[in-house]
Amino acid sequence: MEPWVTRSELDRAPEGRLEDAAVEAMWRHRAARVIGVDERSNISSDQTGNALRPIAPEGGYDPEQHYLVGTVAGAPWFAVPAATQGPSASLRQLGGVLEETEADIATTAVALVNWHRVAPFCGQCGTRTLVREGGHMRWCPGCDRQRFPRTDPAVIVAILDEAGRLLLGHHTGWEDTRVSILAGFVEAGESLEAAVRREIREESGLELSAVRYVGSQPWPFPRSLMLGFVARAIGDEIRVDGTEIEWANFYSQSEVTRLVDAGELTLPMRSSIASRIVAAWRTGDLTI
């Protein structure tokens, strides 16, 4: 399976963002660009909704509101929490059409802005924290502690039966034809492999024999990291939980093609790791 943005040219500038003066100089750089992220996590885009719409920085640098995403070929990119003032599109829409560097920029911008919106206060003493390192850290003056962006791990799993058929499930609340592979959050103190087995047991009633990691994708809705796996089911008797998963079935590659072509199944959106995993299975590149 093709990994997430392996050809991205984004340099996250971990050393260059340590001093406010250096980040401020980047803000004033003639080639600097800004991406707006609004309250719905939509990003400034062009009229088609298929490309980013960066703008030049305006006004003085504000470390509390201007977050350094990184640099591309020496040009700094910033994210700001603000109304996009023009066309905008969701990361779900843009993620499937942007080239890899812009996809990396957009995902990082949304992740940073979302984190700062929900983490202004210290979880230890309640003091309002201050932004440091170009937006990649918050410092608490009350207890002198550093706070870094939190990432919530979630597993997403392609389950194959002995015949190589793929399990696709329909989530309650989705449009009638939409299906995907199963997923869930990792619990405290739980390994990834244990989370895979627990989530699949809870949602489908299936037990697993083999489990293999295949890749990951940042998914800042609001702050997840999706960790992809492929697993082998023991048997094929499915018992969905009825709460999250309404129904699920095993499908062969030919059945998926026929049902998708007939409009009876809708596969995951192109921006998601689920789409990449399903596509790898359909081409015979996903094995366990």
C-alpha atoms as a PDB file:
ATOM      1  CA  MET A   1       0.000   0.000   0.000  1.00  0.00           C
ATOM      2  CA  GLU A   2       1.253   3.479  -0.846  1.00  0.00           C
ATOM      3  CA  PRO A   3       2.334   5.211   2.407  1.00  0.00           C
ATOM      4  CA  TRP A   4       1.114   8.666   3.427  1.00  0.00           C
ATOM      5  CA  VAL A   5       2.853  11.550   1.585  1.00  0.00           C
ATOM      6  CA  THR A   6       6.238   9.890   1.132  1.00  0.00           C
ATOM      7  CA  ARG A   7       7.251  12.527  -1.417  1.00  0.00           C
ATOM      8  CA  SER A   8       6.233  15.567   0.618  1.00  0.00           C
ATOM      9  CA  GLU A   9       8.741  18.426   0.462  1.00  0.00           C
ATOM     10  CA  LEU A  10       7.516  19.982   3.713  1.00  0.00           C
ATOM     11  CA  ASP A  11      10.346  20.681   6.161  1.00  0.00           C
ATOM     12  CA  ARG A  12       8.796  21.079   9.622  1.00  0.00           C
ATOM     13  CA  ALA A  13      11.811  23.179  10.712  1.00  0.00           C
ATOM     14  CA  PRO A  14      12.122  21.759  14.250  1.00  0.00           C
ATOM     15  CA  GLU A  15      15.253  23.791  14.992  1.00  0.00           C
ATOM     16  CA  GLY A  16      14.231  26.977  13.181  1.00  0.00           C
ATOM     17  CA  ARG A  17      11.049  27.342  15.228  1.00  0.00           C
ATOM     18  CA  LEU A  18      12.692  27.283  18.677  1.00  0.00           C
ATOM     19  CA  GLU A  19      13.071  31.077  18.920  1.00  0.00           C
ATOM     20  CA  ASP A  20      10.222  33.545  18.455  1.00  0.00           C
ATOM     21  CA  ALA A  21      12.540  35.951  16.642  1.00  0.00           C
ATOM     22  CA  ALA A  22      13.371  33.322  14.030  1.00  0.00           C
ATOM     23  CA  VAL A  23       9.690  32.469  13.481  1.00  0.00           C
ATOM     24  CA  GLU A  24       8.855  36.179  13.239  1.00  0.00           C
ATOM     25  CA  ALA A  25      11.508  36.555  10.535  1.00  0.00           C
ATOM     26  CA  MET A  26       9.849  33.710   8.636  1.00  0.00           C
ATOM     27  CA  TRP A  27       6.494  35.513   8.925  1.00  0.00           C
ATOM     28  CA  ARG A  28       8.086  38.555   7.265  1.00  0.00           C
ATOM     29  CA  HIS A  29       9.765  36.482   4.543  1.00  0.00           C
ATOM     30  CA  ARG A  30       8.743  37.710   1.084  1.00  0.00           C
ATOM     31  CA  ALA A  31       7.772  34.176   0.050  1.00  0.00           C
ATOM     32  CA  ALA A  32       5.779  33.362   3.211  1.00  0.00           C
ATOM     33  CA  ARG A  33       2.273  31.977   2.762  1.00  0.00           C
ATOM     34  CA  VAL A  34      -0.704  31.632   5.114  1.00  0.00           C
ATOM     35  CA  ILE A  35      -3.497  29.050   5.173  1.00  0.00           C
ATOM     36  CA  GLY A  36      -6.690  29.930   7.048  1.00  0.00           C
ATOM     37  CA  VAL A  37      -8.539  27.267   9.036  1.00  0.00           C
ATOM     38  CA  ASP A  38     -12.081  28.203  10.099  1.00  0.00           C
ATOM     39  CA  GLU A  39     -14.264  27.011  12.987  1.00  0.00           C
ATOM     40  CA  ARG A  40     -15.455  23.999  10.963  1.00  0.00           C
ATOM     41  CA  SER A  41     -11.840  23.047  10.166  1.00  0.00           C
ATOM     42  CA  ASN A  42     -12.355  24.076   6.548  1.00  0.00           C
ATOM     43  CA  ILE A  43      -9.295  25.386   4.723  1.00  0.00           C
ATOM     44  CA  SER A  44      -8.928  28.293   2.319  1.00  0.00           C
ATOM     45  CA  SER A  45      -9.168  26.815  -1.186  1.00  0.00           C
ATOM     46  CA  ASP A  46      -9.509  27.923  -4.764  1.00  0.00           C
ATOM     47  CA  GLN A  47     -12.889  28.253  -6.487  1.00  0.00           C
ATOM     48  CA  THR A  48     -12.904  24.591  -7.529  1.00  0.00           C
ATOM     49  CA  GLY A  49     -12.265  23.280  -4.023  1.00  0.00           C
ATOM     50  CA  ASN A  50      -9.415  21.199  -5.430  1.00  0.00           C
ATOM     51  CA  ALA A  51      -6.356  23.270  -4.426  1.00  0.00           C
ATOM     52  CA  LEU A  52      -5.097  25.397  -1.558  1.00  0.00           C
ATOM     53  CA  ARG A  53      -5.456  29.175  -1.696  1.00  0.00           C
ATOM     54  CA  PRO A  54      -2.482  30.573   0.230  1.00  0.00           C
ATOM     55  CA  ILE A  55      -2.249  34.297   0.907  1.00  0.00           C
ATOM     56  CA  ALA A  56       0.611  36.572   1.930  1.00  0.00           C
ATOM     57  CA  PRO A  57       0.908  37.352   5.665  1.00  0.00           C
ATOM     58  CA  GLU A  58      -0.709  40.609   6.790  1.00  0.00           C
ATOM     59  CA  GLY A  59       0.180  42.658   9.868  1.00  0.00           C
ATOM     60  CA  GLY A  60       2.712  41.865  12.538  1.00  0.00           C
ATOM     61  CA  TYR A  61       3.587  38.412  13.750  1.00  0.00           C
ATOM     62  CA  ASP A  62       1.416  37.171  16.646  1.00  0.00           C
ATOM     63  CA  PRO A  63       2.843  34.004  18.237  1.00  0.00           C
ATOM     64  CA  GLU A  64      -0.532  33.240  19.842  1.00  0.00           C
ATOM     65  CA  GLN A  65      -2.325  33.120  16.485  1.00  0.00           C
ATOM     66  CA  HIS A  66       0.256  32.418  13.780  1.00  0.00           C
ATOM     67  CA  TYR A  67       1.490  28.820  13.713  1.00  0.00           C
ATOM     68  CA  LEU A  68       4.456  27.746  11.620  1.00  0.00           C
ATOM     69  CA  VAL A  69       3.609  24.660   9.563  1.00  0.00           C
ATOM     70  CA  GLY A  70       7.115  24.495   8.070  1.00  0.00           C
ATOM     71  CA  THR A  71       8.956  25.459   4.917  1.00  0.00           C
ATOM     72  CA  VAL A  72       8.867  24.266   1.317  1.00  0.00           C
ATOM     73  CA  ALA A  73      11.953  25.049  -0.749  1.00  0.00           C
ATOM     74  CA  GLY A  74      12.770  27.768   1.785  1.00  0.00           C
ATOM     75  CA  ALA A  75       9.331  29.391   1.688  1.00  0.00           C
ATOM     76  CA  PRO A  76       7.600  29.479   5.110  1.00  0.00           C
ATOM     77  CA  TRP A  77       3.986  28.293   5.476  1.00  0.00           C
ATOM     78  CA  PHE A  78       1.777  29.343   8.388  1.00  0.00           C
ATOM     79  CA  ALA A  79      -1.652  28.314   9.659  1.00  0.00           C
ATOM     80  CA  VAL A  80      -4.009  30.820  11.272  1.00  0.00           C
ATOM     81  CA  PRO A  81      -7.329  30.216  13.066  1.00  0.00           C
ATOM     82  CA  ALA A  82      -9.597  32.555  11.147  1.00  0.00           C
ATOM     83  CA  ALA A  83     -12.506  32.806   8.767  1.00  0.00           C
ATOM     84  CA  THR A  84     -11.166  31.878   5.357  1.00  0.00           C
ATOM     85  CA  GLN A  85     -12.623  35.022   3.686  1.00  0.00           C
ATOM     86  CA  GLY A  86     -13.345  33.355   0.390  1.00  0.00           C
ATOM     87  CA  PRO A  87     -13.768  29.827  -0.949  1.00  0.00           C
ATOM     88  CA  SER A  88     -13.011  27.021   1.457  1.00  0.00           C
ATOM     89  CA  ALA A  89     -13.142  23.237   1.479  1.00  0.00           C
ATOM     90  CA  SER A  90     -12.871  20.475   4.043  1.00  0.00           C
ATOM     91  CA  LEU A  91      -9.768  18.380   4.469  1.00  0.00           C
ATOM     92  CA  ARG A  92     -11.909  15.369   3.590  1.00  0.00           C
ATOM     93  CA  GLN A  93     -12.534  16.929   0.182  1.00  0.00           C
ATOM     94  CA  LEU A  94      -9.059  18.337  -0.386  1.00  0.00           C
ATOM     95  CA  GLY A  95      -7.140  15.342   0.938  1.00  0.00           C
ATOM     96  CA  GLY A  96      -8.074  13.201  -2.028  1.00  0.00           C
ATOM     97  CA  VAL A  97      -6.990  15.679  -4.701  1.00  0.00           C
ATOM     98  CA  LEU A  98      -4.035  17.664  -3.323  1.00  0.00           C
ATOM     99  CA  GLU A  99      -0.525  16.699  -4.315  1.00  0.00           C
ATOM    100  CA  GLU A 100       1.518  15.286  -1.441  1.00  0.00           C
ATOM    101  CA  THR A 101       3.271  18.437  -0.220  1.00  0.00           C
ATOM    102  CA  GLU A 102       0.045  20.444  -0.097  1.00  0.00           C
ATOM    103  CA  ALA A 103      -1.756  17.530   1.581  1.00  0.00           C
ATOM    104  CA  ASP A 104       0.951  17.503   4.253  1.00  0.00           C
ATOM    105  CA  ILE A 105       0.656  21.277   4.720  1.00  0.00           C
ATOM    106  CA  ALA A 106      -3.142  21.185   4.937  1.00  0.00           C
ATOM    107  CA  THR A 107      -3.256  18.298   7.416  1.00  0.00           C
ATOM    108  CA  THR A 108      -0.662  19.907   9.676  1.00  0.00           C
ATOM    109  CA  ALA A 109      -2.439  23.264   9.536  1.00  0.00           C
ATOM    110  CA  VAL A 110      -5.757  21.750  10.615  1.00  0.00           C
ATOM    111  CA  ALA A 111      -4.104  19.669  13.347  1.00  0.00           C
ATOM    112  CA  LEU A 112      -2.285  22.661  14.855  1.00  0.00           C
ATOM    113  CA  VAL A 113      -5.274  25.003  14.769  1.00  0.00           C
ATOM    114  CA  ASN A 114      -7.613  22.384  16.237  1.00  0.00           C
ATOM    115  CA  TRP A 115      -5.186  21.673  19.090  1.00  0.00           C
ATOM    116  CA  HIS A 116      -4.771  25.321  20.063  1.00  0.00           C
ATOM    117  CA  ARG A 117      -8.529  25.863  20.042  1.00  0.00           C
ATOM    118  CA  VAL A 118      -9.151  23.159  22.651  1.00  0.00           C
ATOM    119  CA  ALA A 119      -5.985  23.406  24.804  1.00  0.00           C
ATOM    120  CA  PRO A 120      -5.530  26.988  26.023  1.00  0.00           C
ATOM    121  CA  PHE A 121      -5.256  26.050  29.700  1.00  0.00           C
ATOM    122  CA  CYS A 122      -2.831  23.861  31.622  1.00  0.00           C
ATOM    123  CA  GLY A 123      -4.294  20.504  32.559  1.00  0.00           C
ATOM    124  CA  GLN A 124      -2.164  20.443  35.704  1.00  0.00           C
ATOM    125  CA  CYS A 125      -2.825  23.815  37.377  1.00  0.00           C
ATOM    126  CA  GLY A 126      -5.420  25.530  35.161  1.00  0.00           C
ATOM    127  CA  THR A 127      -3.224  28.491  34.205  1.00  0.00           C
ATOM    128  CA  ARG A 128      -3.634  29.898  30.713  1.00  0.00           C
ATOM    129  CA  THR A 129      -0.691  28.665  28.665  1.00  0.00           C
ATOM    130  CA  LEU A 130       1.444  30.561  26.151  1.00  0.00           C
ATOM    131  CA  VAL A 131       2.286  29.473  22.629  1.00  0.00           C
ATOM    132  CA  ARG A 132       5.923  28.620  21.953  1.00  0.00           C
ATOM    133  CA  GLU A 133       8.004  27.084  19.140  1.00  0.00           C
ATOM    134  CA  GLY A 134       5.920  28.545  16.344  1.00  0.00           C
ATOM    135  CA  GLY A 135       2.752  26.852  17.585  1.00  0.00           C
ATOM    136  CA  HIS A 136       4.173  23.394  18.242  1.00  0.00           C
ATOM    137  CA  MET A 137       4.273  23.725  22.029  1.00  0.00           C
ATOM    138  CA  ARG A 138       2.386  25.546  24.803  1.00  0.00           C
ATOM    139  CA  TRP A 139       4.188  26.579  27.987  1.00  0.00           C
ATOM    140  CA  CYS A 140       2.498  26.962  31.377  1.00  0.00           C
ATOM    141  CA  PRO A 141       3.877  29.878  33.423  1.00  0.00           C
ATOM    142  CA  GLY A 142       2.053  28.560  36.483  1.00  0.00           C
ATOM    143  CA  CYS A 143       3.861  25.243  36.848  1.00  0.00           C
ATOM    144  CA  ASP A 144       6.615  25.667  34.245  1.00  0.00           C
ATOM    145  CA  ARG A 145       5.456  22.699  32.173  1.00  0.00           C
ATOM    146  CA  GLN A 146       5.567  22.167  28.433  1.00  0.00           C
ATOM    147  CA  ARG A 147       2.461  20.941  26.609  1.00  0.00           C
ATOM    148  CA  PHE A 148       2.634  19.345  23.174  1.00  0.00           C
ATOM    149  CA  PRO A 149      -0.101  18.549  20.655  1.00  0.00           C
ATOM    150  CA  ARG A 150      -2.022  15.447  21.631  1.00  0.00           C
ATOM    151  CA  THR A 151      -2.651  12.690  19.116  1.00  0.00           C
ATOM    152  CA  ASP A 152      -5.339  10.055  19.664  1.00  0.00           C
ATOM    153  CA  PRO A 153      -4.395   6.693  18.088  1.00  0.00           C
ATOM    154  CA  ALA A 154      -7.099   4.749  16.282  1.00  0.00           C
ATOM    155  CA  VAL A 155      -6.868   1.434  14.445  1.00  0.00           C
ATOM    156  CA  ILE A 156      -8.509   0.752  11.099  1.00  0.00           C
ATOM    157  CA  VAL A 157      -8.548  -2.830   9.876  1.00  0.00           C
ATOM    158  CA  ALA A 158      -9.024  -4.717   6.626  1.00  0.00           C
ATOM    159  CA  ILE A 159     -10.371  -8.153   7.639  1.00  0.00           C
ATOM    160  CA  LEU A 160      -9.941 -10.967   5.141  1.00  0.00           C
ATOM    161  CA  ASP A 161     -11.536 -14.411   5.322  1.00  0.00           C
ATOM    162  CA  GLU A 162      -9.855 -17.625   4.164  1.00  0.00           C
ATOM    163  CA  ALA A 163     -11.019 -16.976   0.587  1.00  0.00           C
ATOM    164  CA  GLY A 164      -9.472 -13.496   0.575  1.00  0.00           C
ATOM    165  CA  ARG A 165     -12.822 -11.701   0.729  1.00  0.00           C
ATOM    166  CA  LEU A 166     -12.891  -8.305   2.463  1.00  0.00           C
ATOM    167  CA  LEU A 167     -15.236  -7.373   5.299  1.00  0.00           C
ATOM    168  CA  LEU A 168     -17.089  -4.113   4.626  1.00  0.00           C
ATOM    169  CA  GLY A 169     -19.486  -2.624   7.155  1.00  0.00           C
ATOM    170  CA  HIS A 170     -22.196   0.021   7.137  1.00  0.00           C
ATOM    171  CA  HIS A 171     -22.116   2.513  10.007  1.00  0.00           C
ATOM    172  CA  THR A 172     -25.398   3.648  11.514  1.00  0.00           C
ATOM    173  CA  GLY A 173     -26.192   7.127  10.246  1.00  0.00           C
ATOM    174  CA  TRP A 174     -24.392   6.766   6.925  1.00  0.00           C
ATOM    175  CA  GLU A 175     -26.103   7.029   3.569  1.00  0.00           C
ATOM    176  CA  ASP A 176     -27.605   3.671   2.605  1.00  0.00           C
ATOM    177  CA  THR A 177     -24.877   2.499   0.220  1.00  0.00           C
ATOM    178  CA  ARG A 178     -21.765   3.669   2.059  1.00  0.00           C
ATOM    179  CA  VAL A 179     -19.409   1.040   3.480  1.00  0.00           C
ATOM    180  CA  SER A 180     -15.909   0.944   4.903  1.00  0.00           C
ATOM    181  CA  ILE A 181     -13.511  -1.239   6.824  1.00  0.00           C
ATOM    182  CA  LEU A 182     -13.858  -1.265  10.612  1.00  0.00           C
ATOM    183  CA  ALA A 183     -12.096   1.129  12.973  1.00  0.00           C
ATOM    184  CA  GLY A 184     -11.955   2.274  16.582  1.00  0.00           C
ATOM    185  CA  PHE A 185      -9.882   4.150  19.145  1.00  0.00           C
ATOM    186  CA  VAL A 186      -7.072   2.605  21.173  1.00  0.00           C
ATOM    187  CA  GLU A 187      -7.871   2.555  24.897  1.00  0.00           C
ATOM    188  CA  ALA A 188      -5.565   3.575  27.740  1.00  0.00           C
ATOM    189  CA  GLY A 189      -2.887   0.974  28.426  1.00  0.00           C
ATOM    190  CA  GLU A 190      -3.790  -1.018  25.318  1.00  0.00           C
ATOM    191  CA  SER A 191      -1.423  -2.166  22.569  1.00  0.00           C
ATOM    192  CA  LEU A 192      -2.345  -1.580  18.946  1.00  0.00           C
ATOM    193  CA  GLU A 193      -2.712  -5.302  18.265  1.00  0.00           C
ATOM    194  CA  ALA A 194      -4.980  -5.740  21.292  1.00  0.00           C
ATOM    195  CA  ALA A 195      -7.082  -2.784  20.134  1.00  0.00           C
ATOM    196  CA  VAL A 196      -7.469  -4.393  16.709  1.00  0.00           C
ATOM    197  CA  ARG A 197      -8.718  -7.660  18.185  1.00  0.00           C
ATOM    198  CA  ARG A 198     -11.029  -5.958  20.702  1.00  0.00           C
ATOM    199  CA  GLU A 199     -12.605  -3.524  18.223  1.00  0.00           C
ATOM    200  CA  ILE A 200     -13.217  -6.225  15.625  1.00  0.00           C
ATOM    201  CA  ARG A 201     -14.719  -8.542  18.243  1.00  0.00           C
ATOM    202  CA  GLU A 202     -16.990  -5.758  19.547  1.00  0.00           C
ATOM    203  CA  GLU A 203     -18.183  -4.538  16.157  1.00  0.00           C
ATOM    204  CA  SER A 204     -18.395  -7.759  14.127  1.00  0.00           C
ATOM    205  CA  GLY A 205     -18.159 -10.702  16.552  1.00  0.00           C
ATOM    206  CA  LEU A 206     -15.163 -12.041  14.617  1.00  0.00           C
ATOM    207  CA  GLU A 207     -11.986 -13.408  16.155  1.00  0.00           C
ATOM    208  CA  LEU A 208      -8.669 -12.932  14.365  1.00  0.00           C
ATOM    209  CA  SER A 209      -5.747 -15.247  13.741  1.00  0.00           C
ATOM    210  CA  ALA A 210      -3.070 -13.041  12.148  1.00  0.00           C
ATOM    211  CA  VAL A 211      -2.672  -9.241  12.365  1.00  0.00           C
ATOM    212  CA  ARG A 212      -0.227  -7.140  10.313  1.00  0.00           C
ATOM    213  CA  TYR A 213       0.470  -3.388  10.282  1.00  0.00           C
ATOM    214  CA  VAL A 214       0.264  -1.748   6.845  1.00  0.00           C
ATOM    215  CA  GLY A 215       0.516   2.044   7.283  1.00  0.00           C
ATOM    216  CA  SER A 216      -0.777   5.207   8.939  1.00  0.00           C
ATOM    217  CA  GLN A 217      -2.397   8.544   8.202  1.00  0.00           C
ATOM    218  CA  PRO A 218      -2.869  11.699  10.295  1.00  0.00           C
ATOM    219  CA  TRP A 219      -6.575  12.433  10.580  1.00  0.00           C
ATOM    220  CA  PRO A 220      -7.117  15.662  12.565  1.00  0.00           C
ATOM    221  CA  PHE A 221     -10.858  15.280  13.212  1.00  0.00           C
ATOM    222  CA  PRO A 222     -10.099  16.484  15.742  1.00  0.00           C
ATOM    223  CA  ARG A 223      -6.656  14.901  16.422  1.00  0.00           C
ATOM    224  CA  SER A 224      -6.487  11.252  15.404  1.00  0.00           C
ATOM    225  CA  LEU A 225      -3.694   9.168  13.954  1.00  0.00           C
ATOM    226  CA  MET A 226      -5.184   6.309  11.938  1.00  0.00           C
ATOM    227  CA  LEU A 227      -3.069   3.141  12.114  1.00  0.00           C
ATOM    228  CA  GLY A 228      -3.922   0.688   9.364  1.00  0.00           C
ATOM    229  CA  PHE A 229      -3.835  -3.095   9.706  1.00  0.00           C
ATOM    230  CA  VAL A 230      -4.802  -6.167   7.734  1.00  0.00           C
ATOM    231  CA  ALA A 231      -6.023  -9.222   9.642  1.00  0.00           C
ATOM    232  CA  ARG A 232      -7.266 -12.753   8.991  1.00  0.00           C
ATOM    233  CA  ALA A 233     -10.659 -13.744  10.383  1.00  0.00           C
ATOM    234  CA  ILE A 234     -11.284 -17.057  12.089  1.00  0.00           C
ATOM    235  CA  GLY A 235     -14.472 -18.208  10.380  1.00  0.00           C
ATOM    236  CA  ASP A 236     -16.954 -15.955   8.627  1.00  0.00           C
ATOM    237  CA  GLU A 237     -19.917 -15.726  11.018  1.00  0.00           C
ATOM    238  CA  ILE A 238     -20.590 -12.004  11.471  1.00  0.00           C
ATOM    239  CA  ARG A 239     -22.502 -10.615  14.469  1.00  0.00           C
ATOM    240  CA  VAL A 240     -22.550  -6.825  14.244  1.00  0.00           C
ATOM    241  CA  ASP A 241     -23.040  -4.775  17.394  1.00  0.00           C
ATOM    242  CA  GLY A 242     -26.059  -2.946  15.948  1.00  0.00           C
ATOM    243  CA  THR A 243     -24.962   0.248  17.662  1.00  0.00           C
ATOM    244  CA  GLU A 244     -22.047   1.466  15.554  1.00  0.00           C
ATOM    245  CA  ILE A 245     -22.188  -1.080  12.733  1.00  0.00           C
ATOM    246  CA  GLU A 246     -25.647  -1.697  11.269  1.00  0.00           C
ATOM    247  CA  TRP A 247     -24.618  -4.482   8.901  1.00  0.00           C
ATOM    248  CA  ALA A 248     -21.476  -6.038   7.421  1.00  0.00           C
ATOM    249  CA  ASN A 249     -20.602  -8.641   4.807  1.00  0.00           C
ATOM    250  CA  PHE A 250     -17.593 -10.286   3.219  1.00  0.00           C
ATOM    251  CA  TYR A 251     -17.140  -9.396  -0.463  1.00  0.00           C
ATOM    252  CA  SER A 252     -14.949 -10.724  -3.233  1.00  0.00           C
ATOM    253  CA  GLN A 253     -13.115  -8.303  -5.516  1.00  0.00           C
ATOM    254  CA  SER A 254     -15.497  -9.026  -8.384  1.00  0.00           C
ATOM    255  CA  GLU A 255     -18.533  -8.475  -6.161  1.00  0.00           C
ATOM    256  CA  VAL A 256     -17.237  -5.098  -4.995  1.00  0.00           C
ATOM    257  CA  THR A 257     -16.581  -4.003  -8.571  1.00  0.00           C
ATOM    258  CA  ARG A 258     -20.047  -5.074  -9.699  1.00  0.00           C
ATOM    259  CA  LEU A 259     -21.855  -3.436  -6.763  1.00  0.00           C
ATOM    260  CA  VAL A 260     -19.859  -0.199  -6.993  1.00  0.00           C
ATOM    261  CA  ASP A 261     -20.527   0.019 -10.739  1.00  0.00           C
ATOM    262  CA  ALA A 262     -24.242  -0.572 -10.096  1.00  0.00           C
ATOM    263  CA  GLY A 263     -24.345   2.167  -7.456  1.00  0.00           C
ATOM    264  CA  GLU A 264     -25.229  -0.312  -4.711  1.00  0.00           C
ATOM    265  CA  LEU A 265     -22.019   0.228  -2.725  1.00  0.00           C
ATOM    266  CA  THR A 266     -20.133   3.475  -2.059  1.00  0.00           C
ATOM    267  CA  LEU A 267     -16.520   3.004  -0.975  1.00  0.00           C
ATOM    268  CA  PRO A 268     -14.543   5.292   1.392  1.00  0.00           C
ATOM    269  CA  MET A 269     -13.577   8.763   0.192  1.00  0.00           C
ATOM    270  CA  ARG A 270     -10.235   9.097  -1.587  1.00  0.00           C
ATOM    271  CA  SER A 271      -8.738  11.254   1.172  1.00  0.00           C
ATOM    272  CA  SER A 272      -8.855   8.455   3.754  1.00  0.00           C
ATOM    273  CA  ILE A 273      -6.476   5.627   4.583  1.00  0.00           C
ATOM    274  CA  ALA A 274      -9.525   3.346   4.327  1.00  0.00           C
ATOM    275  CA  SER A 275      -9.674   4.149   0.612  1.00  0.00           C
ATOM    276  CA  ARG A 276      -5.981   3.310   0.166  1.00  0.00           C
ATOM    277  CA  ILE A 277      -6.337   0.019   2.013  1.00  0.00           C
ATOM    278  CA  VAL A 278      -9.420  -1.020   0.031  1.00  0.00           C
ATOM    279  CA  ALA A 279      -7.706  -0.010  -3.225  1.00  0.00           C
ATOM    280  CA  ALA A 280      -4.652  -2.124  -2.324  1.00  0.00           C
ATOM    281  CA  TRP A 281      -6.928  -5.102  -1.668  1.00  0.00           C
ATOM    282  CA  ARG A 282      -8.753  -4.627  -4.988  1.00  0.00           C
ATOM    283  CA  THR A 283      -5.435  -4.743  -6.890  1.00  0.00           C
ATOM    284  CA  GLY A 284      -4.181  -7.784  -5.001  1.00  0.00           C
ATOM    285  CA  ASP A 285      -1.506  -5.822  -3.112  1.00  0.00           C
ATOM    286  CA  LEU A 286      -2.908  -6.421   0.388  1.00  0.00           C
ATOM    287  CA  THR A 287      -2.065  -9.794   1.895  1.00  0.00           C
ATOM    288  CA  ILE A 288      -1.848 -11.380   5.304  1.00  0.00           C
END
